[in-house]
Amino acid sequence: MEFFTDFADQAVVLPLTAAIAATLALLGWRRGALAWLVAIGGTFGLMLLLKLLFLACGQLVPEVHVRTPSGHTASAAIIVGGLIALSGLGSEKRVAVAIASAVLAAILFGFSRLSLGKHTLSEVVIGGLVGSAGAVLLVWLAGRPPDRLRTDRLAAVVLAVVILFHGFHLPAEAQIYRTASLLRVWPLSVCR
């Protein structure tokens, strides 16, 4: 399970995000590149905010069983759903295909996080919902892919980045924990 879940680690998804944006721009689809960056950035930003809030204030609502929502699940959902949408697969029903792909990725990666004991069901559901919403936002912002888009080149970039970075881990969660601890200290406390 660790091998599988590592595909959604920040050490993979951050360089993948940059490489896909650059590739889309170089292939001439600047709107797609910008939409990709906005949707991914918004998804990651919202997940960071949720993680900080739950870590700092989660004790105020213990019945939801959320300590830190699953960033791996959110990342997998938006990356997979977004790539499927940008590739033009199922172009007649792009939103439905993007949502279905994002939800499937969220289920698979959510299950891996649950089986590794890293998250609760509530945490992976939150991550899946945020990532799937990000994929829908991406479809809406990007519009229809150009007919000339070379998806083979996009796929080659994805494969190269995944091969290069899979297995590496970024200590993002440790930094998020440290930052959240600052949010509990007066006068910065957001949990009053």
N, C-alpha and C. Protein backbone atom coordinates (compact mmCIF):
# COMPACT_ATOMS: atom_id res chain seq x y z
N MET A 1 0.81 -1.20 0.00
CA MET A 1 0.00 0.00 0.00
C MET A 1 0.85 1.26 0.00
N GLU A 2 1.98 1.22 0.69
CA GLU A 2 2.86 2.39 0.74
C GLU A 2 3.34 2.77 -0.66
N PHE A 3 3.67 1.75 -1.48
CA PHE A 3 4.11 2.01 -2.85
C PHE A 3 3.03 2.76 -3.62
N PHE A 4 1.78 2.32 -3.48
CA PHE A 4 0.67 2.95 -4.19
C PHE A 4 0.43 4.37 -3.70
N THR A 5 0.33 4.55 -2.39
CA THR A 5 0.00 5.86 -1.84
C THR A 5 1.09 6.89 -2.11
N ASP A 6 2.33 6.44 -2.33
CA ASP A 6 3.43 7.36 -2.63
C ASP A 6 3.25 8.10 -3.96
N PHE A 7 2.38 7.60 -4.84
CA PHE A 7 2.13 8.32 -6.09
C PHE A 7 1.46 9.67 -5.83
N ALA A 8 0.83 9.84 -4.68
CA ALA A 8 0.15 11.09 -4.35
C ALA A 8 0.90 11.90 -3.29
N ASP A 9 2.14 11.57 -3.03
CA ASP A 9 2.94 12.34 -2.10
C ASP A 9 3.30 13.68 -2.73
N GLN A 10 3.47 14.70 -1.90
CA GLN A 10 3.81 16.03 -2.40
C GLN A 10 5.12 16.02 -3.19
N ALA A 11 6.02 15.09 -2.89
CA ALA A 11 7.28 14.99 -3.62
C ALA A 11 7.05 14.61 -5.08
N VAL A 12 5.91 14.00 -5.37
CA VAL A 12 5.56 13.66 -6.75
C VAL A 12 4.62 14.70 -7.34
N VAL A 13 3.57 15.08 -6.59
CA VAL A 13 2.54 15.94 -7.19
C VAL A 13 3.00 17.38 -7.41
N LEU A 14 3.91 17.90 -6.61
CA LEU A 14 4.37 19.27 -6.84
C LEU A 14 5.19 19.39 -8.13
N PRO A 15 6.21 18.53 -8.35
CA PRO A 15 6.90 18.63 -9.64
C PRO A 15 6.00 18.25 -10.81
N LEU A 16 5.06 17.33 -10.58
CA LEU A 16 4.13 16.95 -11.63
C LEU A 16 3.24 18.12 -12.02
N THR A 17 2.79 18.87 -11.03
CA THR A 17 1.96 20.05 -11.30
C THR A 17 2.72 21.05 -12.16
N ALA A 18 3.95 21.34 -11.80
CA ALA A 18 4.75 22.29 -12.56
C ALA A 18 5.04 21.77 -13.97
N ALA A 19 5.37 20.50 -14.08
CA ALA A 19 5.69 19.93 -15.39
C ALA A 19 4.48 19.91 -16.32
N ILE A 20 3.31 19.61 -15.78
CA ILE A 20 2.11 19.60 -16.61
C ILE A 20 1.77 21.01 -17.06
N ALA A 21 1.85 21.99 -16.17
CA ALA A 21 1.58 23.38 -16.54
C ALA A 21 2.54 23.83 -17.65
N ALA A 22 3.82 23.54 -17.48
CA ALA A 22 4.81 23.92 -18.49
C ALA A 22 4.54 23.22 -19.82
N THR A 23 4.20 21.96 -19.76
CA THR A 23 3.93 21.20 -20.99
C THR A 23 2.70 21.75 -21.71
N LEU A 24 1.65 22.03 -20.96
CA LEU A 24 0.45 22.60 -21.59
C LEU A 24 0.76 23.94 -22.25
N ALA A 25 1.56 24.77 -21.58
CA ALA A 25 1.93 26.06 -22.15
C ALA A 25 2.78 25.88 -23.40
N LEU A 26 3.76 24.97 -23.35
CA LEU A 26 4.61 24.72 -24.50
C LEU A 26 3.84 24.12 -25.68
N LEU A 27 2.79 23.38 -25.37
CA LEU A 27 1.95 22.80 -26.43
C LEU A 27 0.96 23.82 -26.98
N GLY A 28 0.99 25.03 -26.43
CA GLY A 28 0.17 26.10 -26.95
C GLY A 28 -1.18 26.29 -26.28
N TRP A 29 -1.47 25.55 -25.22
CA TRP A 29 -2.76 25.71 -24.54
C TRP A 29 -2.53 26.47 -23.24
N ARG A 30 -2.35 27.77 -23.36
CA ARG A 30 -2.07 28.60 -22.19
C ARG A 30 -3.26 28.66 -21.23
N ARG A 31 -4.47 28.68 -21.78
CA ARG A 31 -5.64 28.69 -20.90
C ARG A 31 -5.69 27.42 -20.06
N GLY A 32 -5.37 26.28 -20.66
CA GLY A 32 -5.34 25.02 -19.92
C GLY A 32 -4.27 25.03 -18.84
N ALA A 33 -3.10 25.60 -19.17
CA ALA A 33 -2.00 25.67 -18.20
C ALA A 33 -2.39 26.55 -17.01
N LEU A 34 -2.99 27.70 -17.30
CA LEU A 34 -3.41 28.60 -16.23
C LEU A 34 -4.52 27.97 -15.39
N ALA A 35 -5.49 27.34 -16.05
CA ALA A 35 -6.58 26.67 -15.33
C ALA A 35 -6.02 25.57 -14.43
N TRP A 36 -5.05 24.83 -14.94
CA TRP A 36 -4.41 23.76 -14.17
C TRP A 36 -3.78 24.34 -12.89
N LEU A 37 -3.02 25.41 -13.05
CA LEU A 37 -2.35 26.00 -11.89
C LEU A 37 -3.34 26.58 -10.89
N VAL A 38 -4.38 27.24 -11.38
CA VAL A 38 -5.38 27.82 -10.48
C VAL A 38 -6.14 26.72 -9.73
N ALA A 39 -6.59 25.70 -10.45
CA ALA A 39 -7.36 24.63 -9.81
C ALA A 39 -6.51 23.82 -8.83
N ILE A 40 -5.30 23.48 -9.22
CA ILE A 40 -4.41 22.73 -8.33
C ILE A 40 -4.03 23.60 -7.13
N GLY A 41 -3.66 24.84 -7.40
CA GLY A 41 -3.29 25.74 -6.30
C GLY A 41 -4.44 25.97 -5.34
N GLY A 42 -5.64 26.13 -5.88
CA GLY A 42 -6.82 26.31 -5.03
C GLY A 42 -7.11 25.08 -4.19
N THR A 43 -6.99 23.91 -4.81
CA THR A 43 -7.23 22.66 -4.08
C THR A 43 -6.19 22.47 -2.98
N PHE A 44 -4.93 22.64 -3.31
CA PHE A 44 -3.88 22.48 -2.30
C PHE A 44 -3.99 23.54 -1.21
N GLY A 45 -4.32 24.77 -1.60
CA GLY A 45 -4.49 25.84 -0.62
C GLY A 45 -5.64 25.56 0.34
N LEU A 46 -6.77 25.08 -0.20
CA LEU A 46 -7.91 24.75 0.65
C LEU A 46 -7.57 23.59 1.58
N MET A 47 -6.85 22.60 1.07
CA MET A 47 -6.46 21.48 1.93
C MET A 47 -5.52 21.95 3.04
N LEU A 48 -4.60 22.83 2.71
CA LEU A 48 -3.70 23.37 3.74
C LEU A 48 -4.49 24.11 4.80
N LEU A 49 -5.43 24.94 4.38
CA LEU A 49 -6.27 25.68 5.33
C LEU A 49 -7.07 24.73 6.21
N LEU A 50 -7.67 23.70 5.62
CA LEU A 50 -8.44 22.72 6.40
C LEU A 50 -7.54 21.97 7.38
N LYS A 51 -6.37 21.57 6.92
CA LYS A 51 -5.44 20.87 7.81
C LYS A 51 -5.07 21.76 9.01
N LEU A 52 -4.73 23.01 8.73
CA LEU A 52 -4.36 23.92 9.80
C LEU A 52 -5.52 24.13 10.77
N LEU A 53 -6.71 24.35 10.24
CA LEU A 53 -7.87 24.58 11.10
C LEU A 53 -8.21 23.36 11.95
N PHE A 54 -8.22 22.18 11.33
CA PHE A 54 -8.54 20.98 12.11
C PHE A 54 -7.46 20.65 13.13
N LEU A 55 -6.19 20.84 12.75
CA LEU A 55 -5.13 20.57 13.72
C LEU A 55 -5.19 21.56 14.89
N ALA A 56 -5.51 22.80 14.59
CA ALA A 56 -5.55 23.81 15.64
C ALA A 56 -6.84 23.75 16.45
N CYS A 57 -7.95 23.42 15.79
CA CYS A 57 -9.26 23.55 16.44
C CYS A 57 -10.09 22.27 16.43
N GLY A 58 -9.56 21.20 15.93
CA GLY A 58 -10.33 19.96 15.78
C GLY A 58 -10.92 19.44 17.07
N GLN A 59 -10.29 19.74 18.17
CA GLN A 59 -10.79 19.28 19.46
C GLN A 59 -12.14 19.91 19.80
N LEU A 60 -12.51 20.98 19.11
CA LEU A 60 -13.79 21.64 19.36
C LEU A 60 -14.96 20.86 18.78
N VAL A 61 -14.68 19.98 17.81
CA VAL A 61 -15.72 19.12 17.21
C VAL A 61 -15.22 17.67 17.13
N PRO A 62 -15.03 17.03 18.29
CA PRO A 62 -14.44 15.70 18.30
C PRO A 62 -15.30 14.63 17.64
N GLU A 63 -16.61 14.86 17.52
CA GLU A 63 -17.48 13.84 16.96
C GLU A 63 -17.28 13.62 15.46
N VAL A 64 -16.59 14.52 14.77
CA VAL A 64 -16.37 14.31 13.32
C VAL A 64 -15.13 13.45 13.04
N HIS A 65 -14.32 13.21 14.04
CA HIS A 65 -13.14 12.35 13.92
C HIS A 65 -12.18 12.82 12.82
N VAL A 66 -11.91 14.12 12.80
CA VAL A 66 -10.99 14.67 11.82
C VAL A 66 -9.86 15.37 12.56
N ARG A 67 -8.66 14.88 12.32
CA ARG A 67 -7.47 15.53 12.86
C ARG A 67 -6.79 16.32 11.74
N THR A 68 -6.59 15.66 10.61
CA THR A 68 -5.98 16.31 9.45
C THR A 68 -6.53 15.65 8.18
N PRO A 69 -7.31 16.38 7.37
CA PRO A 69 -7.87 15.81 6.14
C PRO A 69 -6.78 15.28 5.22
N SER A 70 -7.11 14.29 4.42
CA SER A 70 -6.13 13.59 3.60
C SER A 70 -5.73 14.38 2.35
N GLY A 71 -4.53 14.91 2.40
CA GLY A 71 -3.97 15.60 1.24
C GLY A 71 -3.64 14.65 0.11
N HIS A 72 -3.22 13.43 0.43
CA HIS A 72 -2.95 12.43 -0.61
C HIS A 72 -4.21 12.15 -1.41
N THR A 73 -5.34 12.01 -0.71
CA THR A 73 -6.60 11.71 -1.39
C THR A 73 -7.01 12.88 -2.27
N ALA A 74 -6.92 14.09 -1.75
CA ALA A 74 -7.27 15.28 -2.54
C ALA A 74 -6.35 15.42 -3.75
N SER A 75 -5.06 15.21 -3.55
CA SER A 75 -4.10 15.32 -4.65
C SER A 75 -4.39 14.31 -5.74
N ALA A 76 -4.63 13.07 -5.34
CA ALA A 76 -4.92 12.03 -6.34
C ALA A 76 -6.18 12.37 -7.11
N ALA A 77 -7.21 12.84 -6.42
CA ALA A 77 -8.48 13.13 -7.09
C ALA A 77 -8.32 14.24 -8.12
N ILE A 78 -7.68 15.33 -7.75
CA ILE A 78 -7.57 16.42 -8.72
C ILE A 78 -6.58 16.11 -9.84
N ILE A 79 -5.49 15.45 -9.52
CA ILE A 79 -4.51 15.13 -10.56
C ILE A 79 -5.12 14.17 -11.58
N VAL A 80 -5.70 13.07 -11.11
CA VAL A 80 -6.27 12.08 -12.03
C VAL A 80 -7.47 12.66 -12.77
N GLY A 81 -8.42 13.23 -12.03
CA GLY A 81 -9.59 13.82 -12.68
C GLY A 81 -9.21 14.93 -13.63
N GLY A 82 -8.24 15.75 -13.22
CA GLY A 82 -7.79 16.85 -14.06
C GLY A 82 -7.08 16.39 -15.32
N LEU A 83 -6.22 15.40 -15.19
CA LEU A 83 -5.52 14.90 -16.37
C LEU A 83 -6.48 14.26 -17.37
N ILE A 84 -7.44 13.52 -16.87
CA ILE A 84 -8.44 12.91 -17.75
C ILE A 84 -9.22 14.01 -18.48
N ALA A 85 -9.62 15.04 -17.74
CA ALA A 85 -10.38 16.14 -18.34
C ALA A 85 -9.54 16.88 -19.38
N LEU A 86 -8.28 17.15 -19.06
CA LEU A 86 -7.43 17.91 -19.98
C LEU A 86 -7.07 17.11 -21.22
N SER A 87 -7.05 15.79 -21.09
CA SER A 87 -6.69 14.97 -22.24
C SER A 87 -7.81 14.90 -23.26
N GLY A 88 -9.02 15.32 -22.86
CA GLY A 88 -10.14 15.29 -23.79
C GLY A 88 -10.85 13.96 -23.84
N LEU A 89 -10.44 13.00 -22.99
CA LEU A 89 -11.13 11.71 -22.97
C LEU A 89 -12.57 11.93 -22.56
N GLY A 90 -13.47 11.31 -23.26
CA GLY A 90 -14.89 11.47 -22.98
C GLY A 90 -15.33 12.91 -23.20
N SER A 91 -14.80 13.54 -24.27
CA SER A 91 -15.01 14.97 -24.47
C SER A 91 -16.48 15.37 -24.53
N GLU A 92 -17.35 14.45 -24.88
CA GLU A 92 -18.78 14.78 -24.91
C GLU A 92 -19.31 15.02 -23.51
N LYS A 93 -18.77 14.30 -22.55
CA LYS A 93 -19.25 14.38 -21.16
C LYS A 93 -18.06 14.63 -20.25
N ARG A 94 -17.32 15.69 -20.56
CA ARG A 94 -16.07 15.94 -19.84
C ARG A 94 -16.24 16.09 -18.34
N VAL A 95 -17.28 16.79 -17.92
CA VAL A 95 -17.48 17.00 -16.49
C VAL A 95 -17.76 15.67 -15.80
N ALA A 96 -18.64 14.87 -16.39
CA ALA A 96 -18.98 13.57 -15.79
C ALA A 96 -17.76 12.65 -15.74
N VAL A 97 -16.98 12.64 -16.81
CA VAL A 97 -15.79 11.78 -16.86
C VAL A 97 -14.75 12.27 -15.84
N ALA A 98 -14.57 13.59 -15.73
CA ALA A 98 -13.62 14.14 -14.76
C ALA A 98 -14.05 13.80 -13.34
N ILE A 99 -15.35 13.96 -13.05
CA ILE A 99 -15.84 13.64 -11.70
C ILE A 99 -15.67 12.16 -11.41
N ALA A 100 -16.06 11.30 -12.35
CA ALA A 100 -15.95 9.85 -12.13
C ALA A 100 -14.49 9.45 -11.91
N SER A 101 -13.58 10.02 -12.69
CA SER A 101 -12.15 9.71 -12.54
C SER A 101 -11.62 10.19 -11.19
N ALA A 102 -12.02 11.41 -10.82
CA ALA A 102 -11.57 11.97 -9.54
C ALA A 102 -12.10 11.16 -8.38
N VAL A 103 -13.37 10.78 -8.44
CA VAL A 103 -13.97 9.99 -7.36
C VAL A 103 -13.31 8.61 -7.27
N LEU A 104 -13.05 7.98 -8.40
CA LEU A 104 -12.38 6.67 -8.39
C LEU A 104 -10.98 6.79 -7.78
N ALA A 105 -10.24 7.83 -8.17
CA ALA A 105 -8.90 8.04 -7.58
C ALA A 105 -9.01 8.28 -6.09
N ALA A 106 -10.02 9.09 -5.67
CA ALA A 106 -10.21 9.36 -4.24
C ALA A 106 -10.52 8.08 -3.47
N ILE A 107 -11.33 7.22 -4.06
CA ILE A 107 -11.67 5.96 -3.39
C ILE A 107 -10.43 5.09 -3.24
N LEU A 108 -9.67 4.93 -4.32
CA LEU A 108 -8.49 4.07 -4.28
C LEU A 108 -7.42 4.60 -3.32
N PHE A 109 -7.12 5.89 -3.44
CA PHE A 109 -6.09 6.46 -2.56
C PHE A 109 -6.60 6.60 -1.13
N GLY A 110 -7.88 6.90 -0.98
CA GLY A 110 -8.48 6.95 0.36
C GLY A 110 -8.38 5.60 1.05
N PHE A 111 -8.67 4.55 0.30
CA PHE A 111 -8.55 3.20 0.86
C PHE A 111 -7.11 2.91 1.27
N SER A 112 -6.15 3.34 0.45
CA SER A 112 -4.74 3.10 0.81
C SER A 112 -4.38 3.85 2.09
N ARG A 113 -4.88 5.08 2.25
CA ARG A 113 -4.59 5.84 3.46
C ARG A 113 -5.25 5.21 4.69
N LEU A 114 -6.46 4.69 4.50
CA LEU A 114 -7.15 4.00 5.60
C LEU A 114 -6.42 2.72 5.99
N SER A 115 -6.03 1.94 5.00
CA SER A 115 -5.39 0.66 5.31
C SER A 115 -4.01 0.85 5.94
N LEU A 116 -3.37 1.97 5.66
CA LEU A 116 -2.08 2.26 6.30
C LEU A 116 -2.26 2.88 7.68
N GLY A 117 -3.50 3.18 8.06
CA GLY A 117 -3.77 3.79 9.35
C GLY A 117 -3.37 5.26 9.43
N LYS A 118 -3.25 5.91 8.29
CA LYS A 118 -2.82 7.31 8.26
C LYS A 118 -3.98 8.28 8.48
N HIS A 119 -5.20 7.86 8.13
CA HIS A 119 -6.36 8.75 8.21
C HIS A 119 -7.61 7.98 8.62
N THR A 120 -8.61 8.74 9.04
CA THR A 120 -9.94 8.17 9.32
C THR A 120 -10.79 8.29 8.06
N LEU A 121 -11.93 7.63 8.08
CA LEU A 121 -12.84 7.71 6.94
C LEU A 121 -13.27 9.16 6.69
N SER A 122 -13.57 9.90 7.73
CA SER A 122 -13.96 11.31 7.58
C SER A 122 -12.85 12.12 6.90
N GLU A 123 -11.62 11.84 7.25
CA GLU A 123 -10.50 12.58 6.68
C GLU A 123 -10.32 12.31 5.18
N VAL A 124 -10.49 11.04 4.78
CA VAL A 124 -10.35 10.74 3.35
C VAL A 124 -11.56 11.24 2.56
N VAL A 125 -12.73 11.24 3.16
CA VAL A 125 -13.91 11.77 2.48
C VAL A 125 -13.73 13.27 2.22
N ILE A 126 -13.25 14.00 3.21
CA ILE A 126 -13.01 15.43 3.01
C ILE A 126 -12.00 15.65 1.89
N GLY A 127 -10.90 14.91 1.91
CA GLY A 127 -9.90 15.03 0.85
C GLY A 127 -10.47 14.69 -0.51
N GLY A 128 -11.27 13.63 -0.58
CA GLY A 128 -11.88 13.24 -1.86
C GLY A 128 -12.84 14.29 -2.38
N LEU A 129 -13.62 14.88 -1.49
CA LEU A 129 -14.57 15.91 -1.92
C LEU A 129 -13.85 17.16 -2.42
N VAL A 130 -12.81 17.58 -1.70
CA VAL A 130 -12.06 18.77 -2.11
C VAL A 130 -11.35 18.52 -3.44
N GLY A 131 -10.70 17.37 -3.58
CA GLY A 131 -10.01 17.05 -4.83
C GLY A 131 -10.95 16.92 -6.01
N SER A 132 -12.10 16.31 -5.80
CA SER A 132 -13.09 16.16 -6.88
C SER A 132 -13.66 17.52 -7.28
N ALA A 133 -13.91 18.38 -6.30
CA ALA A 133 -14.38 19.74 -6.60
C ALA A 133 -13.32 20.50 -7.40
N GLY A 134 -12.06 20.29 -7.06
CA GLY A 134 -10.97 20.92 -7.81
C GLY A 134 -10.94 20.46 -9.26
N ALA A 135 -11.21 19.17 -9.50
CA ALA A 135 -11.25 18.66 -10.87
C ALA A 135 -12.39 19.30 -11.66
N VAL A 136 -13.54 19.48 -11.02
CA VAL A 136 -14.67 20.15 -11.68
C VAL A 136 -14.31 21.60 -12.00
N LEU A 137 -13.67 22.29 -11.05
CA LEU A 137 -13.23 23.66 -11.28
C LEU A 137 -12.28 23.72 -12.47
N LEU A 138 -11.38 22.77 -12.54
CA LEU A 138 -10.42 22.73 -13.64
C LEU A 138 -11.13 22.60 -14.99
N VAL A 139 -12.11 21.70 -15.08
CA VAL A 139 -12.86 21.52 -16.32
C VAL A 139 -13.53 22.83 -16.71
N TRP A 140 -14.12 23.49 -15.74
CA TRP A 140 -14.84 24.73 -15.99
C TRP A 140 -13.89 25.84 -16.44
N LEU A 141 -12.74 25.97 -15.77
CA LEU A 141 -11.79 27.03 -16.10
C LEU A 141 -11.08 26.78 -17.44
N ALA A 142 -10.73 25.54 -17.70
CA ALA A 142 -9.92 25.22 -18.88
C ALA A 142 -10.72 25.28 -20.17
N GLY A 143 -11.99 24.93 -20.09
CA GLY A 143 -12.76 24.84 -21.33
C GLY A 143 -12.36 23.59 -22.10
N ARG A 144 -12.78 23.55 -23.33
CA ARG A 144 -12.52 22.37 -24.17
C ARG A 144 -11.06 22.36 -24.63
N PRO A 145 -10.41 21.19 -24.54
CA PRO A 145 -9.02 21.10 -25.01
C PRO A 145 -8.95 21.34 -26.53
N PRO A 146 -7.89 21.97 -26.98
CA PRO A 146 -7.75 22.15 -28.43
C PRO A 146 -7.59 20.81 -29.13
N ASP A 147 -8.10 20.73 -30.34
CA ASP A 147 -8.02 19.46 -31.10
C ASP A 147 -6.58 19.04 -31.36
N ARG A 148 -5.70 20.00 -31.44
CA ARG A 148 -4.30 19.70 -31.77
C ARG A 148 -3.46 19.30 -30.54
N LEU A 149 -4.07 19.27 -29.35
CA LEU A 149 -3.31 18.97 -28.14
C LEU A 149 -2.68 17.59 -28.23
N ARG A 150 -1.39 17.53 -28.02
CA ARG A 150 -0.63 16.27 -28.12
C ARG A 150 -0.65 15.57 -26.76
N THR A 151 -1.66 14.74 -26.56
CA THR A 151 -1.78 14.06 -25.27
C THR A 151 -0.68 13.03 -25.08
N ASP A 152 -0.07 12.56 -26.16
CA ASP A 152 1.03 11.62 -26.01
C ASP A 152 2.23 12.29 -25.33
N ARG A 153 2.44 13.55 -25.65
CA ARG A 153 3.54 14.29 -25.00
C ARG A 153 3.22 14.57 -23.54
N LEU A 154 1.97 14.90 -23.28
CA LEU A 154 1.53 15.12 -21.90
C LEU A 154 1.71 13.84 -21.08
N ALA A 155 1.32 12.71 -21.66
CA ALA A 155 1.46 11.42 -20.97
C ALA A 155 2.93 11.08 -20.72
N ALA A 156 3.79 11.40 -21.69
CA ALA A 156 5.23 11.13 -21.53
C ALA A 156 5.81 11.95 -20.38
N VAL A 157 5.38 13.21 -20.26
CA VAL A 157 5.86 14.06 -19.17
C VAL A 157 5.39 13.51 -17.83
N VAL A 158 4.12 13.12 -17.75
CA VAL A 158 3.58 12.55 -16.51
C VAL A 158 4.38 11.31 -16.11
N LEU A 159 4.59 10.42 -17.06
CA LEU A 159 5.33 9.19 -16.78
C LEU A 159 6.76 9.49 -16.32
N ALA A 160 7.43 10.42 -17.00
CA ALA A 160 8.81 10.75 -16.63
C ALA A 160 8.89 11.32 -15.22
N VAL A 161 7.99 12.24 -14.89
CA VAL A 161 8.02 12.85 -13.55
C VAL A 161 7.71 11.81 -12.48
N VAL A 162 6.73 10.97 -12.73
CA VAL A 162 6.38 9.94 -11.74
C VAL A 162 7.54 8.98 -11.52
N ILE A 163 8.19 8.58 -12.59
CA ILE A 163 9.33 7.66 -12.46
C ILE A 163 10.47 8.33 -11.68
N LEU A 164 10.72 9.61 -11.96
CA LEU A 164 11.82 10.31 -11.29
C LEU A 164 11.58 10.55 -9.80
N PHE A 165 10.34 10.85 -9.44
CA PHE A 165 10.08 11.32 -8.07
C PHE A 165 9.36 10.32 -7.17
N HIS A 166 8.82 9.26 -7.72
CA HIS A 166 8.10 8.30 -6.87
C HIS A 166 9.05 7.69 -5.83
N GLY A 167 8.58 7.62 -4.62
CA GLY A 167 9.38 7.06 -3.53
C GLY A 167 10.02 8.12 -2.66
N PHE A 168 10.11 9.35 -3.17
CA PHE A 168 10.60 10.45 -2.34
C PHE A 168 9.44 10.98 -1.50
N HIS A 169 9.76 11.54 -0.35
CA HIS A 169 8.73 12.10 0.53
C HIS A 169 9.15 13.50 0.96
N LEU A 170 8.19 14.40 0.95
CA LEU A 170 8.43 15.73 1.49
C LEU A 170 7.86 15.79 2.90
N PRO A 171 8.57 16.43 3.82
CA PRO A 171 8.08 16.51 5.20
C PRO A 171 7.03 17.61 5.38
N ALA A 172 6.10 17.71 4.44
CA ALA A 172 5.09 18.77 4.48
C ALA A 172 4.22 18.66 5.72
N GLU A 173 3.83 17.46 6.06
CA GLU A 173 2.92 17.28 7.20
C GLU A 173 3.55 17.75 8.51
N ALA A 174 4.86 17.51 8.67
CA ALA A 174 5.54 17.97 9.88
C ALA A 174 5.53 19.49 9.97
N GLN A 175 5.73 20.16 8.84
CA GLN A 175 5.69 21.63 8.84
C GLN A 175 4.28 22.14 9.11
N ILE A 176 3.28 21.44 8.59
CA ILE A 176 1.88 21.83 8.83
C ILE A 176 1.57 21.70 10.33
N TYR A 177 2.04 20.63 10.96
CA TYR A 177 1.83 20.45 12.41
C TYR A 177 2.48 21.59 13.19
N ARG A 178 3.70 21.97 12.81
CA ARG A 178 4.38 23.06 13.52
C ARG A 178 3.62 24.38 13.35
N THR A 179 3.16 24.64 12.14
CA THR A 179 2.41 25.87 11.88
C THR A 179 1.09 25.87 12.65
N ALA A 180 0.40 24.74 12.67
CA ALA A 180 -0.87 24.64 13.39
C ALA A 180 -0.68 24.88 14.88
N SER A 181 0.45 24.44 15.41
CA SER A 181 0.69 24.66 16.84
C SER A 181 0.80 26.16 17.15
N LEU A 182 1.27 26.95 16.20
CA LEU A 182 1.33 28.40 16.39
C LEU A 182 -0.07 29.01 16.42
N LEU A 183 -1.01 28.39 15.70
CA LEU A 183 -2.37 28.92 15.65
C LEU A 183 -3.13 28.68 16.96
N ARG A 184 -2.58 27.84 17.83
CA ARG A 184 -3.23 27.57 19.12
C ARG A 184 -2.75 28.53 20.22
N VAL A 185 -1.71 29.30 19.95
CA VAL A 185 -1.08 30.14 20.95
C VAL A 185 -1.68 31.56 20.91
N TRP A 186 -2.04 32.09 22.08
CA TRP A 186 -2.54 33.44 22.15
C TRP A 186 -1.42 34.40 21.80
N PRO A 187 -1.61 35.44 21.04
CA PRO A 187 -2.86 36.04 20.56
C PRO A 187 -3.27 35.56 19.18
N LEU A 188 -2.57 34.57 18.62
CA LEU A 188 -2.89 34.11 17.28
C LEU A 188 -4.00 33.06 17.25
N SER A 189 -4.48 32.66 18.39
CA SER A 189 -5.42 31.55 18.44
C SER A 189 -6.66 31.81 17.60
N VAL A 190 -6.95 30.87 16.72
CA VAL A 190 -8.16 30.95 15.89
C VAL A 190 -9.27 30.09 16.48
N CYS A 191 -9.02 29.49 17.63
CA CYS A 191 -9.96 28.53 18.22
C CYS A 191 -10.57 29.06 19.51
N ARG A 192 -11.20 30.16 19.45
CA ARG A 192 -11.78 30.74 20.68
C ARG A 192 -13.22 30.35 20.80
